[in-house]
Structures are given as structure tokens and as C-alpha cells.
Amino acid sequence: MKKKIKINNKEISYTLKRRRGARSVRLAIYANGTFTVTAPKWYPLYVINKFLAEKAGWIYNKLKHIDFAELEFRQKTEKINYQNQKEAARKIIQARLEFFNQYYNFEYNRISVKNQKSCWGSASRKRNLNFNYKVASLPENLRDYIIVHELCHLKELNHGRNFWKLMSQIVPDYRERRRKLKTYNFKF
């Protein structure tokens, strides 16, 4: 639920999450200037507000370094890039999936191309494959690593020994590619 707090005469929005398993109030501030307060379901709001008042100086110090105008510009640019590149990325990903799946012959349902902030791809129990649109911008060997990785999750939904055996059948140098992939971030 969205809430607001006033710090140094500036109104700041935050997200309040109530969790049954939480034992105390927790605060997380993200690079985009948003922050989340997680609290036990049974905590009264005045206790949460008292916690935020005690942390107001810390919150202000974290948020004062964020250039919100630049951040907004980057987010708009990112959205435009995603809209412009999504379909081209889908074609590249789909073609490579079909190519590698000639070997594995796995069944999958839906392929989604998204603007994810923290992962290159994922696979679900429902046999759906999701990819970050930026996969298409990677060097071919890293792009193929991600596509084969998600394809292998259709058989092994974990990163156990059998998963890596399956992966090594097509990408024997998967360790090296994984290491290189970690040097790329999501902002290129």
C-alpha cells in the first residue's frame, strides 16, 4: 500500500508491505529513489510511523544524493528503448530457441520478452520462458548461453548437477560464459 512521509519539509512516497512472517520493521531504499517498509501484519501504524521518524535522517541522507530529474529521464529512455526493441529481440530469441531446441526437443508454452530490471531470463513450472529484451544486444555467445540456460530449466527447474550436465551438452564452456555475463549490467 502506498504511503507518504514528510522529511525535511519534503513529502516522500513509500510502499508499506505487511507480512505475516515478519518479526520487525524493515526499511529498504533502492537506487531509483523508492523505498519500502516491511512490517509484521499485527504492527500498529503508529509504531511504523515512529520507526520512520527515528530513521528520517538516515532516509534523507540516502535520498538526497539521487538526481530525480536524471532518473526520470533514464526511465523514460528505457521505456522507449524497450518499446522500440522488443519485437526485434523476440525474433532473435525465438529463432535461437528453435535452433537449440532441435537438440533438446523440449515443449514450452509462452515466450515473453520483458523489460526486467535484474535478470536475463527465467522459466516457470508452467513451461513459460521469459527473457529480458536486452538479451538480443549481448554478444552471440552470451545470448546463446542465456537461451540454452532457460531451455534447460524446462527439464531441470534448479541449478543442480543434472541441470549443468544438460547445459554442458550444448554449451561446454558454460562456466566461462557465465563469468563473462556477470560483467554486463542491465544499463548498456
Protein backbone atom coordinates (compact mmCIF):
# COMPACT_ATOMS: atom_id res chain seq x y z
CA MET A 1 0.00 0.00 0.00
CA LYS A 2 1.32 3.44 -0.93
CA LYS A 3 2.00 5.86 1.92
CA LYS A 4 3.68 9.24 2.36
CA ILE A 5 6.05 10.63 4.92
CA LYS A 6 7.34 14.17 5.40
CA ILE A 7 11.09 14.53 5.88
CA ASN A 8 12.75 17.98 5.98
CA ASN A 9 9.53 19.53 4.64
CA LYS A 10 9.61 17.24 1.63
CA GLU A 11 6.84 14.71 1.05
CA ILE A 12 8.23 11.31 0.11
CA SER A 13 6.22 8.31 -1.06
CA TYR A 14 6.96 4.80 0.07
CA THR A 15 5.41 1.35 -0.12
CA LEU A 16 4.23 -0.33 3.06
CA LYS A 17 4.21 -4.12 2.94
CA ARG A 18 2.57 -6.07 5.73
CA ARG A 19 3.95 -9.60 6.12
CA ARG A 20 2.61 -12.32 8.36
CA GLY A 21 6.09 -13.82 8.93
CA ALA A 22 7.93 -10.54 9.58
CA ARG A 23 9.21 -10.06 13.12
CA SER A 24 10.18 -6.41 12.99
CA VAL A 25 10.01 -3.30 10.83
CA ARG A 26 12.48 -3.25 7.95
CA LEU A 27 13.40 -0.46 5.56
CA ALA A 28 14.87 -0.81 2.06
CA ILE A 29 15.91 2.11 -0.16
CA TYR A 30 16.53 1.40 -3.84
CA ALA A 31 18.75 3.16 -6.38
CA ASN A 32 15.71 4.59 -8.17
CA GLY A 33 14.73 6.57 -5.06
CA THR A 34 11.85 4.38 -3.99
CA PHE A 35 11.76 2.76 -0.64
CA THR A 36 9.79 0.02 1.02
CA VAL A 37 8.86 -0.51 4.63
CA THR A 38 8.10 -4.10 5.58
CA ALA A 39 6.31 -4.70 8.88
CA PRO A 40 4.51 -7.52 10.65
CA LYS A 41 0.78 -7.65 9.89
CA TRP A 42 -0.09 -7.01 13.52
CA TYR A 43 2.11 -3.88 13.97
CA PRO A 44 0.03 -0.74 14.54
CA LEU A 45 0.62 2.10 12.09
CA TYR A 46 1.77 4.49 14.83
CA VAL A 47 4.69 2.12 15.64
CA ILE A 48 5.70 2.09 11.96
CA ASN A 49 5.46 5.91 11.82
CA LYS A 50 7.61 6.18 14.96
CA PHE A 51 10.21 3.91 13.34
CA LEU A 52 10.24 6.11 10.21
CA ALA A 53 10.56 9.27 12.33
CA GLU A 54 13.59 7.74 14.06
CA LYS A 55 15.13 6.85 10.67
CA ALA A 56 14.22 10.16 8.98
CA GLY A 57 17.81 11.47 8.98
CA TRP A 58 19.15 8.26 7.51
CA ILE A 59 16.41 8.20 4.84
CA TYR A 60 17.07 11.82 3.93
CA ASN A 61 20.83 11.23 3.62
CA LYS A 62 20.23 8.29 1.27
CA LEU A 63 17.70 10.10 -0.90
CA LYS A 64 19.45 13.48 -1.15
CA HIS A 65 22.12 12.04 -3.47
CA ILE A 66 19.59 10.89 -6.04
CA ASP A 67 19.05 13.15 -9.05
CA PHE A 68 15.35 12.51 -9.61
CA ALA A 69 15.24 14.51 -12.87
CA GLU A 70 18.02 12.38 -14.35
CA LEU A 71 16.39 9.25 -13.00
CA GLU A 72 13.06 10.13 -14.62
CA PHE A 73 14.82 10.84 -17.93
CA ARG A 74 16.60 7.47 -17.80
CA GLN A 75 13.36 5.66 -17.04
CA LYS A 76 11.58 7.30 -19.97
CA THR A 77 14.51 6.49 -22.28
CA GLU A 78 14.49 2.90 -21.05
CA LYS A 79 10.77 2.59 -21.74
CA ILE A 80 11.20 3.95 -25.29
CA ASN A 81 14.15 1.59 -25.93
CA TYR A 82 12.09 -1.36 -24.73
CA GLN A 83 9.14 -0.46 -26.95
CA ASN A 84 11.40 0.02 -29.98
CA GLN A 85 13.49 -3.14 -29.49
CA LYS A 86 11.02 -5.64 -28.03
CA GLU A 87 9.84 -7.26 -31.27
CA ALA A 88 13.32 -7.46 -32.79
CA ALA A 89 14.52 -9.12 -29.59
CA ARG A 90 11.60 -11.55 -29.70
CA LYS A 91 12.52 -12.65 -33.25
CA ILE A 92 16.18 -13.21 -32.35
CA ILE A 93 15.33 -15.10 -29.15
CA GLN A 94 12.68 -17.23 -30.83
CA ALA A 95 14.99 -18.17 -33.71
CA ARG A 96 17.78 -19.22 -31.34
CA LEU A 97 15.34 -21.12 -29.11
CA GLU A 98 14.08 -23.09 -32.10
CA PHE A 99 17.66 -23.76 -33.20
CA PHE A 100 18.80 -25.12 -29.80
CA ASN A 101 15.56 -26.95 -29.15
CA GLN A 102 16.22 -29.11 -32.21
CA TYR A 103 18.72 -30.86 -29.96
CA TYR A 104 16.70 -30.97 -26.72
CA ASN A 105 13.19 -31.22 -28.18
CA PHE A 106 11.57 -29.76 -25.04
CA GLU A 107 8.00 -28.49 -25.06
CA TYR A 108 7.37 -24.95 -23.94
CA ASN A 109 4.32 -22.71 -23.92
CA ARG A 110 4.67 -18.97 -23.99
CA ILE A 111 7.73 -16.87 -24.73
CA SER A 112 7.69 -13.41 -23.16
CA VAL A 113 10.11 -10.59 -23.79
CA LYS A 114 10.12 -8.16 -20.88
CA ASN A 115 11.93 -5.16 -19.52
CA GLN A 116 13.27 -6.87 -16.42
CA LYS A 117 15.49 -4.97 -14.04
CA SER A 118 17.54 -7.72 -12.50
CA CYS A 119 17.55 -10.91 -14.54
CA TRP A 120 18.28 -12.03 -18.08
CA GLY A 121 15.68 -14.75 -18.20
CA SER A 122 13.51 -17.20 -16.30
CA ALA A 123 11.46 -20.34 -16.79
CA SER A 124 8.28 -21.30 -14.95
CA ARG A 125 6.73 -24.59 -13.89
CA LYS A 126 4.04 -23.88 -16.48
CA ARG A 127 6.78 -24.16 -19.13
CA ASN A 128 6.76 -20.45 -19.95
CA LEU A 129 10.02 -18.76 -20.88
CA ASN A 130 10.75 -15.12 -20.09
CA PHE A 131 13.64 -13.09 -21.44
CA ASN A 132 14.95 -9.60 -20.91
CA TYR A 133 14.80 -7.69 -24.20
CA LYS A 134 18.45 -6.72 -23.68
CA VAL A 135 19.48 -10.34 -24.29
CA ALA A 136 19.36 -9.52 -28.01
CA SER A 137 22.04 -6.84 -27.50
CA LEU A 138 24.53 -9.22 -25.92
CA PRO A 139 27.36 -10.89 -27.85
CA GLU A 140 26.04 -14.02 -29.56
CA ASN A 141 27.85 -16.48 -27.27
CA LEU A 142 26.37 -14.90 -24.13
CA ARG A 143 22.92 -14.60 -25.71
CA ASP A 144 23.05 -18.30 -26.57
CA TYR A 145 24.16 -19.14 -23.02
CA ILE A 146 21.05 -17.45 -21.60
CA ILE A 147 18.71 -19.05 -24.11
CA VAL A 148 20.12 -22.55 -23.55
CA HIS A 149 20.09 -21.93 -19.79
CA GLU A 150 16.36 -21.18 -19.77
CA LEU A 151 15.67 -24.03 -22.18
CA CYS A 152 17.41 -26.45 -19.79
CA HIS A 153 15.19 -25.23 -16.95
CA LEU A 154 12.27 -26.83 -18.78
CA LYS A 155 13.72 -30.19 -17.73
CA GLU A 156 15.54 -29.18 -14.52
CA LEU A 157 13.95 -26.30 -12.57
CA ASN A 158 17.05 -25.90 -10.40
CA HIS A 159 20.79 -25.41 -10.70
CA GLY A 160 21.74 -28.92 -9.57
CA ARG A 161 24.27 -31.28 -11.10
CA ASN A 162 21.78 -32.64 -13.68
CA PHE A 163 20.98 -29.11 -14.85
CA TRP A 164 24.64 -28.31 -15.53
CA LYS A 165 25.15 -31.67 -17.29
CA LEU A 166 22.25 -30.83 -19.57
CA MET A 167 23.63 -27.35 -20.13
CA SER A 168 27.12 -28.64 -20.97
CA GLN A 169 25.77 -30.78 -23.80
CA ILE A 170 25.43 -27.66 -25.97
CA VAL A 171 27.49 -25.10 -24.04
CA PRO A 172 30.54 -26.96 -22.71
CA ASP A 173 32.22 -23.66 -21.74
CA TYR A 174 29.19 -22.51 -19.72
CA ARG A 175 31.36 -21.58 -16.71
CA GLU A 176 33.41 -19.13 -18.76
CA ARG A 177 30.32 -17.64 -20.40
CA ARG A 178 28.61 -17.28 -17.03
CA ARG A 179 31.67 -15.46 -15.69
CA LYS A 180 31.66 -13.06 -18.68
CA LEU A 181 27.93 -12.46 -18.35
CA LYS A 182 28.41 -11.19 -14.80
CA THR A 183 30.47 -8.29 -16.18
CA TYR A 184 27.42 -6.98 -18.08
CA ASN A 185 24.83 -4.95 -16.29
CA PHE A 186 21.30 -4.07 -17.33
CA LYS A 187 22.05 -0.46 -18.27
CA PHE A 188 24.04 -0.86 -21.50
